[in-house]
Amino acid sequence: MRLRKLRIGTWNILGRQRHHDSRVADDGAVYETVSKARTDILCLQEVHFYDGEADAQLREELDAAGLSHFVGSPLSPSHLDERAQLGVGIAARFPVLEFFGTRTLSNPGLRANVRGQAWELHDKGLVGARIQLTPDVAVNVYSLHLFPFFEFGIDDQDGYVDKMWRELWDVVDGVDEPTILAGDYNQTGRADAAKEYSRGSWSFCTPDTETTSTGLSLDDVALSWAPDNCERRIIETFSDHHLVLVEIDLSAPPRARDRIVLSDIGGVSHRP
């Protein structure tokens, strides 16, 4: 078996609620979005967990769309449903060889009044797994959800942001296997931060693309290698975040330590 194309998606699903009225999305809404995108690996953020188990309706719709392999963990209480916790997850068409577990990042516990509401910074982090694409090719995949420091008036140069980046790259740096790092970064300067804080080099697929209903560029898929060919799509959803979909050419499979910086994966610039 030879896999020629791989479709990687990332989507903050807002607890499966509609952003315009905060009501739960209709049954089938996740299935419709994911099946239309024909996603092979989907990194999810703001997944609702009930008693430690991922939202059953979400899992059912992912299974129906062919993403029958799932790992994930809760990170914090949900501000959307008092019965639930919010977390991150990875859904895939391919078997999960190993679950790396969850890493929670240090939370400075900031508080602020945001758009007339009292906000408290909730825990964020990432979950990882090793996924078998073909008998000969496996990749490490991380789904991440980082702190929205900008909502609390914290700029990119603040020590809180510095600490977050250092902790993130400590988790994923030094891995020889090809790695996918996808999620809601909540930071527009993520590509520059990777160059400053990571020991590796990363290809960011949508560094300047609007990925939210408010016109911000917060969600991205980063690869530890530069694919020969890549296409990207932004799919609007019921959530306040769009589904970011990246299709990469695997005619030449990624190799360990095959890392080249590609600041815009549309093919604009390369750097050794």
Protein backbone atom coordinates (compact mmCIF):
# COMPACT_ATOMS: atom_id res chain seq x y z
CA MET A 1 0.00 0.00 0.00
CA ARG A 2 1.29 3.44 -0.94
CA LEU A 3 -0.37 6.59 0.36
CA ARG A 4 0.08 9.38 -2.18
CA LYS A 5 -1.88 12.18 -0.50
CA LEU A 6 -2.45 12.99 3.16
CA ARG A 7 -5.15 15.42 4.30
CA ILE A 8 -4.46 16.95 7.71
CA GLY A 9 -7.03 19.14 9.41
CA THR A 10 -7.27 21.20 12.57
CA TRP A 11 -10.49 22.55 14.02
CA ASN A 12 -11.47 24.24 17.27
CA ILE A 13 -15.05 22.95 17.50
CA LEU A 14 -16.21 25.20 20.38
CA GLY A 15 -17.66 22.30 22.33
CA ARG A 16 -19.79 21.51 19.25
CA GLN A 17 -21.72 24.75 19.78
CA ARG A 18 -22.70 27.32 17.16
CA HIS A 19 -20.78 30.54 17.68
CA HIS A 20 -23.61 32.87 16.61
CA ASP A 21 -26.16 31.72 19.19
CA SER A 22 -24.27 29.33 21.57
CA ARG A 23 -26.69 26.50 20.87
CA VAL A 24 -25.48 22.96 20.25
CA ALA A 25 -24.96 22.32 16.55
CA ASP A 26 -27.42 20.04 14.80
CA ASP A 27 -26.61 16.34 14.85
CA GLY A 28 -24.65 15.58 11.70
CA ALA A 29 -22.96 18.99 11.47
CA VAL A 30 -19.54 17.57 12.36
CA TYR A 31 -19.99 14.64 9.98
CA GLU A 32 -21.03 16.94 7.13
CA THR A 33 -17.99 19.19 7.59
CA VAL A 34 -15.40 16.45 8.06
CA SER A 35 -16.69 14.12 5.34
CA LYS A 36 -16.83 17.01 2.87
CA ALA A 37 -13.19 17.76 3.66
CA ARG A 38 -12.24 14.05 3.36
CA THR A 39 -9.84 14.51 6.25
CA ASP A 40 -7.35 11.72 7.07
CA ILE A 41 -6.03 13.14 10.35
CA LEU A 42 -7.99 15.74 12.32
CA CYS A 43 -6.63 17.61 15.33
CA LEU A 44 -9.43 18.96 17.51
CA GLN A 45 -9.59 21.61 20.22
CA GLU A 46 -12.34 22.54 22.69
CA VAL A 47 -13.68 19.00 22.64
CA HIS A 48 -16.19 18.37 25.41
CA PHE A 49 -15.40 15.50 27.76
CA TYR A 50 -17.99 14.05 30.15
CA ASP A 51 -16.64 11.99 33.05
CA GLY A 52 -13.35 11.71 31.16
CA GLU A 53 -14.95 10.46 27.93
CA ALA A 54 -15.11 12.50 24.73
CA ASP A 55 -18.51 13.78 23.59
CA ALA A 56 -20.36 10.67 22.37
CA GLN A 57 -22.16 12.46 19.54
CA LEU A 58 -18.85 13.86 18.30
CA ARG A 59 -17.25 10.42 18.35
CA GLU A 60 -20.21 8.92 16.49
CA GLU A 61 -19.97 11.52 13.73
CA LEU A 62 -16.18 11.17 13.44
CA ASP A 63 -16.58 7.40 13.13
CA ALA A 64 -19.20 7.86 10.41
CA ALA A 65 -16.76 10.10 8.52
CA GLY A 66 -14.10 7.36 8.64
CA LEU A 67 -12.06 8.80 11.53
CA SER A 68 -12.51 5.77 13.77
CA HIS A 69 -9.23 6.04 15.70
CA PHE A 70 -9.35 8.65 18.48
CA VAL A 71 -7.20 9.75 21.41
CA GLY A 72 -7.73 12.79 23.59
CA SER A 73 -7.79 14.25 27.07
CA PRO A 74 -9.59 17.02 28.97
CA LEU A 75 -7.59 20.06 30.06
CA SER A 76 -9.91 22.39 31.97
CA PRO A 77 -13.47 23.02 33.12
CA SER A 78 -15.74 24.09 30.26
CA HIS A 79 -17.05 27.64 30.11
CA LEU A 80 -19.66 26.35 27.64
CA ASP A 81 -21.22 23.52 29.67
CA GLU A 82 -20.88 23.26 33.45
CA ARG A 83 -21.21 19.46 33.23
CA ALA A 84 -18.19 19.12 30.96
CA GLN A 85 -14.47 19.66 30.61
CA LEU A 86 -12.74 21.01 27.51
CA GLY A 87 -9.78 19.28 25.95
CA VAL A 88 -7.88 18.30 22.83
CA GLY A 89 -8.02 15.24 20.64
CA ILE A 90 -6.74 13.52 17.51
CA ALA A 91 -9.00 11.56 15.15
CA ALA A 92 -7.55 9.50 12.29
CA ARG A 93 -8.34 6.97 9.58
CA PHE A 94 -5.15 5.16 10.49
CA PRO A 95 -4.22 3.10 13.56
CA VAL A 96 -2.68 4.78 16.60
CA LEU A 97 0.57 2.96 17.42
CA GLU A 98 1.30 4.85 20.62
CA PHE A 99 -0.46 7.46 22.74
CA PHE A 100 2.03 9.98 24.14
CA GLY A 101 -0.40 11.38 26.68
CA THR A 102 -1.16 15.00 27.53
CA ARG A 103 1.10 17.88 28.43
CA THR A 104 -0.49 20.80 30.30
CA LEU A 105 1.38 24.09 29.97
CA SER A 106 2.09 26.36 32.94
CA ASN A 107 -0.92 28.58 33.53
CA PRO A 108 -0.20 32.06 34.98
CA GLY A 109 -3.84 32.36 36.05
CA LEU A 110 -4.53 35.72 34.44
CA ARG A 111 -7.89 37.47 34.83
CA ALA A 112 -9.39 40.20 32.68
CA ASN A 113 -12.63 41.81 31.60
CA VAL A 114 -13.06 40.76 27.96
CA ARG A 115 -15.94 42.19 25.91
CA GLY A 116 -17.92 42.86 29.07
CA GLN A 117 -17.31 39.45 30.64
CA ALA A 118 -15.00 38.34 33.46
CA TRP A 119 -12.46 35.91 32.01
CA GLU A 120 -10.01 33.61 33.76
CA LEU A 121 -7.21 31.94 31.81
CA HIS A 122 -8.01 28.21 31.59
CA ASP A 123 -5.43 25.44 31.32
CA LYS A 124 -4.10 24.71 27.83
CA GLY A 125 -1.76 22.12 26.38
CA LEU A 126 -1.36 19.36 23.83
CA VAL A 127 -1.94 15.69 23.27
CA GLY A 128 0.23 13.47 21.07
CA ALA A 129 0.23 10.12 19.31
CA ARG A 130 2.22 8.10 16.79
CA ILE A 131 0.09 7.15 13.78
CA GLN A 132 0.81 4.44 11.20
CA LEU A 133 0.09 5.80 7.70
CA THR A 134 1.40 2.79 5.77
CA PRO A 135 3.43 -0.28 6.75
CA ASP A 136 6.56 1.77 6.07
CA VAL A 137 5.57 5.29 7.14
CA ALA A 138 4.51 6.61 10.55
CA VAL A 139 4.24 10.16 11.87
CA ASN A 140 3.99 11.80 15.25
CA VAL A 141 0.91 14.00 15.57
CA TYR A 142 0.21 16.62 18.25
CA SER A 143 -3.04 18.52 18.70
CA LEU A 144 -2.44 21.72 20.64
CA HIS A 145 -4.43 24.55 22.15
CA LEU A 146 -2.34 27.48 23.38
CA PHE A 147 -3.20 30.40 25.63
CA PRO A 148 -5.09 33.39 24.12
CA PHE A 149 -2.76 35.86 25.77
CA PHE A 150 -3.80 38.65 23.40
CA GLU A 151 -7.29 38.59 24.96
CA PHE A 152 -5.68 39.46 28.31
CA GLY A 153 -3.64 42.36 26.95
CA ILE A 154 -0.37 40.37 26.86
CA ASP A 155 1.87 40.97 23.83
CA ASP A 156 4.22 38.51 22.13
CA GLN A 157 7.30 39.83 23.95
CA ASP A 158 5.97 39.18 27.45
CA GLY A 159 7.63 36.60 29.68
CA TYR A 160 4.41 34.57 29.90
CA VAL A 161 4.53 34.02 26.14
CA ASP A 162 8.23 33.23 26.25
CA LYS A 163 7.66 30.54 28.87
CA MET A 164 4.79 28.99 26.90
CA TRP A 165 6.90 28.68 23.74
CA ARG A 166 9.82 27.15 25.61
CA GLU A 167 7.58 24.55 27.23
CA LEU A 168 5.91 23.72 23.91
CA TRP A 169 9.12 23.16 22.01
CA ASP A 170 10.65 21.18 24.86
CA VAL A 171 7.85 18.66 24.27
CA VAL A 172 8.20 18.27 20.50
CA ASP A 173 11.87 19.08 19.84
CA GLY A 174 14.48 16.37 19.51
CA VAL A 175 12.14 13.83 17.90
CA ASP A 176 13.68 12.11 14.91
CA GLU A 177 10.40 10.95 13.37
CA PRO A 178 8.38 13.22 11.06
CA THR A 179 6.04 15.31 13.21
CA ILE A 180 2.77 17.18 12.63
CA LEU A 181 1.95 19.96 15.11
CA ALA A 182 -1.56 21.25 14.47
CA GLY A 183 -4.06 23.25 16.43
CA ASP A 184 -5.31 26.55 17.77
CA TYR A 185 -2.07 28.40 18.42
CA ASN A 186 -3.88 31.57 19.53
CA GLN A 187 -0.74 33.41 18.38
CA THR A 188 -0.18 35.19 15.07
CA GLY A 189 3.61 35.14 15.44
CA ARG A 190 3.93 31.36 15.70
CA ALA A 191 6.28 30.88 12.73
CA ASP A 192 8.73 33.48 14.07
CA ALA A 193 8.47 31.95 17.54
CA ALA A 194 9.38 28.53 16.16
CA LYS A 195 12.51 29.95 14.57
CA GLU A 196 13.49 31.56 17.88
CA TYR A 197 12.60 28.83 20.36
CA SER A 198 12.73 25.50 18.52
CA ARG A 199 15.89 23.52 17.85
CA GLY A 200 14.29 22.19 14.68
CA SER A 201 12.80 23.90 11.65
CA TRP A 202 9.12 23.85 10.83
CA SER A 203 6.88 24.37 7.81
CA PHE A 204 3.85 26.46 8.78
CA CYS A 205 1.01 26.02 6.33
CA THR A 206 -1.28 28.99 7.09
CA PRO A 207 0.78 31.63 8.93
CA ASP A 208 -1.09 34.62 7.46
CA THR A 209 -4.47 33.10 6.59
CA GLU A 210 -7.70 34.11 8.34
CA THR A 211 -8.92 31.07 10.26
CA THR A 212 -11.64 32.50 12.52
CA SER A 213 -15.01 34.16 12.03
CA THR A 214 -13.49 37.39 13.37
CA GLY A 215 -10.76 37.47 10.72
CA LEU A 216 -7.81 36.35 12.87
CA SER A 217 -5.05 33.93 11.87
CA LEU A 218 -4.83 31.61 14.88
CA ASP A 219 -5.02 28.02 13.60
CA ASP A 220 -2.24 26.26 11.74
CA VAL A 221 -0.65 22.99 10.70
CA ALA A 222 3.13 22.80 11.13
CA LEU A 223 5.27 20.04 9.65
CA SER A 224 8.81 19.03 10.61
CA TRP A 225 9.60 18.60 6.91
CA ALA A 226 8.94 20.49 3.66
CA PRO A 227 6.62 18.46 1.41
CA ASP A 228 7.17 18.42 -2.34
CA ASN A 229 3.67 19.70 -2.94
CA CYS A 230 0.96 21.06 -0.69
CA GLU A 231 -2.52 22.52 -1.01
CA ARG A 232 -4.56 24.24 1.68
CA ARG A 233 -8.25 24.98 2.18
CA ILE A 234 -10.17 26.96 4.76
CA ILE A 235 -13.66 25.58 5.40
CA GLU A 236 -16.18 27.71 7.31
CA THR A 237 -18.01 25.88 10.10
CA PHE A 238 -20.62 26.41 12.82
CA SER A 239 -17.78 27.17 15.26
CA ASP A 240 -16.00 30.51 15.58
CA HIS A 241 -12.97 28.74 14.08
CA HIS A 242 -12.79 27.44 10.53
CA LEU A 243 -11.52 23.98 9.67
CA VAL A 244 -7.98 24.36 8.32
CA LEU A 245 -7.21 21.59 5.83
CA VAL A 246 -3.78 20.86 4.37
CA GLU A 247 -3.22 18.24 1.67
CA ILE A 248 0.38 17.13 1.25
CA ASP A 249 2.02 14.99 -1.40
CA LEU A 250 3.53 11.79 0.02
CA SER A 251 5.03 10.50 -3.22
CA ALA A 252 8.33 11.10 -1.42
CA PRO A 253 7.58 10.08 2.21
CA PRO A 254 8.94 12.36 4.97
CA ARG A 255 12.15 11.21 6.56
CA ALA A 256 13.61 11.59 10.03
CA ARG A 257 15.37 14.93 10.53
CA ASP A 258 14.23 16.05 7.05
CA ARG A 259 13.55 19.59 8.25
CA ILE A 260 13.56 22.70 6.08
CA VAL A 261 11.91 25.96 7.03
CA LEU A 262 9.04 26.90 4.72
CA SER A 263 7.55 30.10 6.08
CA ASP A 264 4.60 29.97 3.69
CA ILE A 265 3.82 26.52 2.39
CA GLY A 266 2.21 28.00 -0.69
CA GLY A 267 5.77 27.97 -2.03
CA VAL A 268 6.80 31.55 -1.39
CA SER A 269 10.04 31.15 0.50
CA HIS A 270 12.51 28.49 1.51
CA ARG A 271 15.48 28.76 3.81
CA PRO A 272 18.15 26.12 4.67
